[in-house]
Amino acid sequence: HQALRMLEIPECPFKARPDSDTKPHWVRPDLVCEVRYQGWSADGKLRFPVFLRWRADRRATDIFLEQ
């Protein structure tokens, strides 16, 4: 929680704002985490993502979606 509080920003950092049923809390996309998930939805979203751990060995700028 403290790591995310240090990255707080007032606006969405993405080109396309994701849909949300609740008011989002935005942070700079600087941290990398590992998640487990069941698959991808038809509209390109993760299905049932579960946070596993922070990845201090990876930089956010090195992460990309494999095709």
N, C-alpha and C. Protein backbone atom coordinates (compact mmCIF):
# COMPACT_ATOMS: atom_id res chain seq x y z
N HIS A 1 0.82 -1.18 0.00
CA HIS A 1 0.00 0.00 0.00
C HIS A 1 0.87 1.26 0.00
N GLN A 2 1.92 1.25 0.78
CA GLN A 2 2.79 2.42 0.86
C GLN A 2 3.51 2.66 -0.48
N ALA A 3 3.94 1.59 -1.13
CA ALA A 3 4.61 1.75 -2.43
C ALA A 3 3.67 2.39 -3.45
N LEU A 4 2.41 2.00 -3.43
CA LEU A 4 1.44 2.56 -4.37
C LEU A 4 1.09 4.01 -4.01
N ARG A 5 1.00 4.32 -2.74
CA ARG A 5 0.70 5.71 -2.33
C ARG A 5 1.75 6.68 -2.85
N MET A 6 2.99 6.24 -2.92
CA MET A 6 4.07 7.10 -3.40
C MET A 6 3.95 7.37 -4.90
N LEU A 7 3.18 6.57 -5.61
CA LEU A 7 3.03 6.69 -7.05
C LEU A 7 1.70 7.31 -7.47
N GLU A 8 0.92 7.82 -6.52
CA GLU A 8 -0.40 8.38 -6.82
C GLU A 8 -0.33 9.52 -7.83
N ILE A 9 -1.30 9.51 -8.76
CA ILE A 9 -1.46 10.60 -9.72
C ILE A 9 -2.96 10.90 -9.86
N PRO A 10 -3.32 12.11 -10.28
CA PRO A 10 -4.75 12.47 -10.32
C PRO A 10 -5.52 11.95 -11.54
N GLU A 11 -4.84 11.65 -12.63
CA GLU A 11 -5.52 11.26 -13.87
C GLU A 11 -5.06 9.89 -14.36
N CYS A 12 -5.85 9.28 -15.22
CA CYS A 12 -5.54 8.00 -15.83
C CYS A 12 -4.25 8.10 -16.65
N PRO A 13 -3.28 7.21 -16.46
CA PRO A 13 -2.02 7.28 -17.20
C PRO A 13 -2.05 6.59 -18.57
N PHE A 14 -3.20 6.04 -18.96
CA PHE A 14 -3.31 5.27 -20.19
C PHE A 14 -4.03 6.05 -21.28
N LYS A 15 -3.74 5.71 -22.54
CA LYS A 15 -4.40 6.37 -23.67
C LYS A 15 -5.90 6.11 -23.64
N ALA A 16 -6.29 4.88 -23.40
CA ALA A 16 -7.70 4.51 -23.32
C ALA A 16 -8.04 4.23 -21.86
N ARG A 17 -8.96 5.00 -21.31
CA ARG A 17 -9.34 4.82 -19.90
C ARG A 17 -10.15 3.54 -19.75
N PRO A 18 -9.73 2.63 -18.86
CA PRO A 18 -10.49 1.38 -18.65
C PRO A 18 -11.83 1.66 -17.99
N ASP A 19 -12.83 0.83 -18.30
CA ASP A 19 -14.13 0.93 -17.65
C ASP A 19 -14.00 0.49 -16.19
N SER A 20 -14.79 1.12 -15.33
CA SER A 20 -14.78 0.76 -13.92
C SER A 20 -16.15 1.02 -13.32
N ASP A 21 -16.60 0.12 -12.45
CA ASP A 21 -17.87 0.30 -11.75
C ASP A 21 -17.71 1.22 -10.54
N THR A 22 -16.48 1.40 -10.09
CA THR A 22 -16.21 2.26 -8.95
C THR A 22 -15.18 3.31 -9.35
N LYS A 23 -15.02 4.32 -8.51
CA LYS A 23 -14.05 5.37 -8.80
C LYS A 23 -12.63 4.79 -8.69
N PRO A 24 -11.84 4.86 -9.77
CA PRO A 24 -10.49 4.29 -9.73
C PRO A 24 -9.52 5.17 -8.93
N HIS A 25 -8.47 4.57 -8.48
CA HIS A 25 -7.37 5.25 -7.80
C HIS A 25 -6.15 5.04 -8.69
N TRP A 26 -5.66 6.11 -9.31
CA TRP A 26 -4.60 6.00 -10.31
C TRP A 26 -3.21 6.12 -9.70
N VAL A 27 -2.28 5.34 -10.23
CA VAL A 27 -0.86 5.43 -9.87
C VAL A 27 -0.04 5.38 -11.15
N ARG A 28 1.17 5.93 -11.10
CA ARG A 28 2.08 5.83 -12.25
C ARG A 28 2.40 4.35 -12.47
N PRO A 29 2.40 3.89 -13.71
CA PRO A 29 2.66 2.47 -13.99
C PRO A 29 4.17 2.17 -13.97
N ASP A 30 4.76 2.24 -12.78
CA ASP A 30 6.20 2.04 -12.63
C ASP A 30 6.57 0.68 -12.05
N LEU A 31 5.65 0.04 -11.35
CA LEU A 31 5.94 -1.24 -10.69
C LEU A 31 5.51 -2.40 -11.58
N VAL A 32 6.14 -3.55 -11.38
CA VAL A 32 5.79 -4.76 -12.13
C VAL A 32 5.38 -5.82 -11.11
N CYS A 33 4.28 -6.48 -11.40
CA CYS A 33 3.86 -7.60 -10.54
C CYS A 33 3.60 -8.82 -11.42
N GLU A 34 3.56 -9.95 -10.76
CA GLU A 34 3.24 -11.21 -11.43
C GLU A 34 1.82 -11.59 -11.02
N VAL A 35 1.03 -12.01 -11.98
CA VAL A 35 -0.34 -12.44 -11.69
C VAL A 35 -0.61 -13.81 -12.29
N ARG A 36 -1.52 -14.51 -11.68
CA ARG A 36 -2.05 -15.76 -12.24
C ARG A 36 -3.42 -15.40 -12.77
N TYR A 37 -3.81 -15.96 -13.89
CA TYR A 37 -5.12 -15.66 -14.46
C TYR A 37 -5.64 -16.87 -15.22
N GLN A 38 -6.96 -16.87 -15.43
CA GLN A 38 -7.58 -18.03 -16.08
C GLN A 38 -7.54 -17.95 -17.59
N GLY A 39 -7.43 -16.77 -18.15
CA GLY A 39 -7.40 -16.61 -19.59
C GLY A 39 -7.68 -15.17 -19.96
N TRP A 40 -7.97 -14.96 -21.23
CA TRP A 40 -8.28 -13.63 -21.75
C TRP A 40 -9.73 -13.58 -22.20
N SER A 41 -10.41 -12.48 -21.92
CA SER A 41 -11.78 -12.31 -22.40
C SER A 41 -11.75 -11.91 -23.87
N ALA A 42 -12.91 -11.93 -24.51
CA ALA A 42 -13.01 -11.58 -25.93
C ALA A 42 -12.58 -10.14 -26.20
N ASP A 43 -12.72 -9.26 -25.20
CA ASP A 43 -12.32 -7.86 -25.39
C ASP A 43 -10.92 -7.56 -24.86
N GLY A 44 -10.12 -8.63 -24.63
CA GLY A 44 -8.71 -8.44 -24.30
C GLY A 44 -8.39 -8.15 -22.85
N LYS A 45 -9.27 -8.53 -21.93
CA LYS A 45 -9.02 -8.32 -20.50
C LYS A 45 -8.71 -9.65 -19.84
N LEU A 46 -7.90 -9.59 -18.76
CA LEU A 46 -7.58 -10.81 -18.02
C LEU A 46 -8.83 -11.32 -17.31
N ARG A 47 -8.99 -12.64 -17.31
CA ARG A 47 -10.10 -13.26 -16.59
C ARG A 47 -9.59 -13.79 -15.26
N PHE A 48 -10.21 -13.35 -14.18
CA PHE A 48 -9.90 -13.78 -12.82
C PHE A 48 -8.42 -13.61 -12.46
N PRO A 49 -7.86 -12.39 -12.61
CA PRO A 49 -6.46 -12.19 -12.24
C PRO A 49 -6.27 -12.22 -10.73
N VAL A 50 -5.17 -12.82 -10.29
CA VAL A 50 -4.81 -12.91 -8.88
C VAL A 50 -3.37 -12.44 -8.72
N PHE A 51 -3.15 -11.44 -7.88
CA PHE A 51 -1.80 -10.95 -7.60
C PHE A 51 -0.98 -12.04 -6.93
N LEU A 52 0.25 -12.26 -7.43
CA LEU A 52 1.15 -13.24 -6.83
C LEU A 52 2.30 -12.58 -6.09
N ARG A 53 3.01 -11.64 -6.76
CA ARG A 53 4.16 -11.00 -6.11
C ARG A 53 4.63 -9.82 -6.93
N TRP A 54 5.37 -8.94 -6.26
CA TRP A 54 6.06 -7.85 -6.95
C TRP A 54 7.28 -8.42 -7.63
N ARG A 55 7.68 -7.85 -8.78
CA ARG A 55 8.85 -8.29 -9.53
C ARG A 55 9.88 -7.18 -9.55
N ALA A 56 10.74 -7.13 -8.55
CA ALA A 56 11.79 -6.11 -8.47
C ALA A 56 12.87 -6.34 -9.52
N ASP A 57 12.91 -7.54 -10.12
CA ASP A 57 13.93 -7.87 -11.11
C ASP A 57 13.54 -7.41 -12.51
N ARG A 58 12.37 -6.82 -12.69
CA ARG A 58 11.91 -6.37 -14.01
C ARG A 58 11.53 -4.89 -13.95
N ARG A 59 11.79 -4.17 -15.05
CA ARG A 59 11.40 -2.76 -15.15
C ARG A 59 10.11 -2.68 -15.96
N ALA A 60 9.24 -1.75 -15.58
CA ALA A 60 7.96 -1.60 -16.27
C ALA A 60 8.17 -1.30 -17.76
N THR A 61 9.23 -0.58 -18.10
CA THR A 61 9.48 -0.23 -19.50
C THR A 61 9.89 -1.43 -20.34
N ASP A 62 10.26 -2.55 -19.70
CA ASP A 62 10.66 -3.77 -20.41
C ASP A 62 9.49 -4.73 -20.64
N ILE A 63 8.33 -4.44 -20.09
CA ILE A 63 7.19 -5.35 -20.16
C ILE A 63 6.34 -5.05 -21.38
N PHE A 64 5.94 -6.10 -22.08
CA PHE A 64 5.07 -5.95 -23.25
C PHE A 64 4.18 -7.17 -23.36
N LEU A 65 3.10 -7.04 -24.08
CA LEU A 65 2.17 -8.13 -24.30
C LEU A 65 2.69 -9.02 -25.42
N GLU A 66 2.96 -10.27 -25.10
CA GLU A 66 3.43 -11.21 -26.12
C GLU A 66 2.27 -11.60 -27.02
N GLN A 67 2.51 -11.66 -28.31
CA GLN A 67 1.45 -12.00 -29.26
C GLN A 67 1.67 -13.38 -29.84
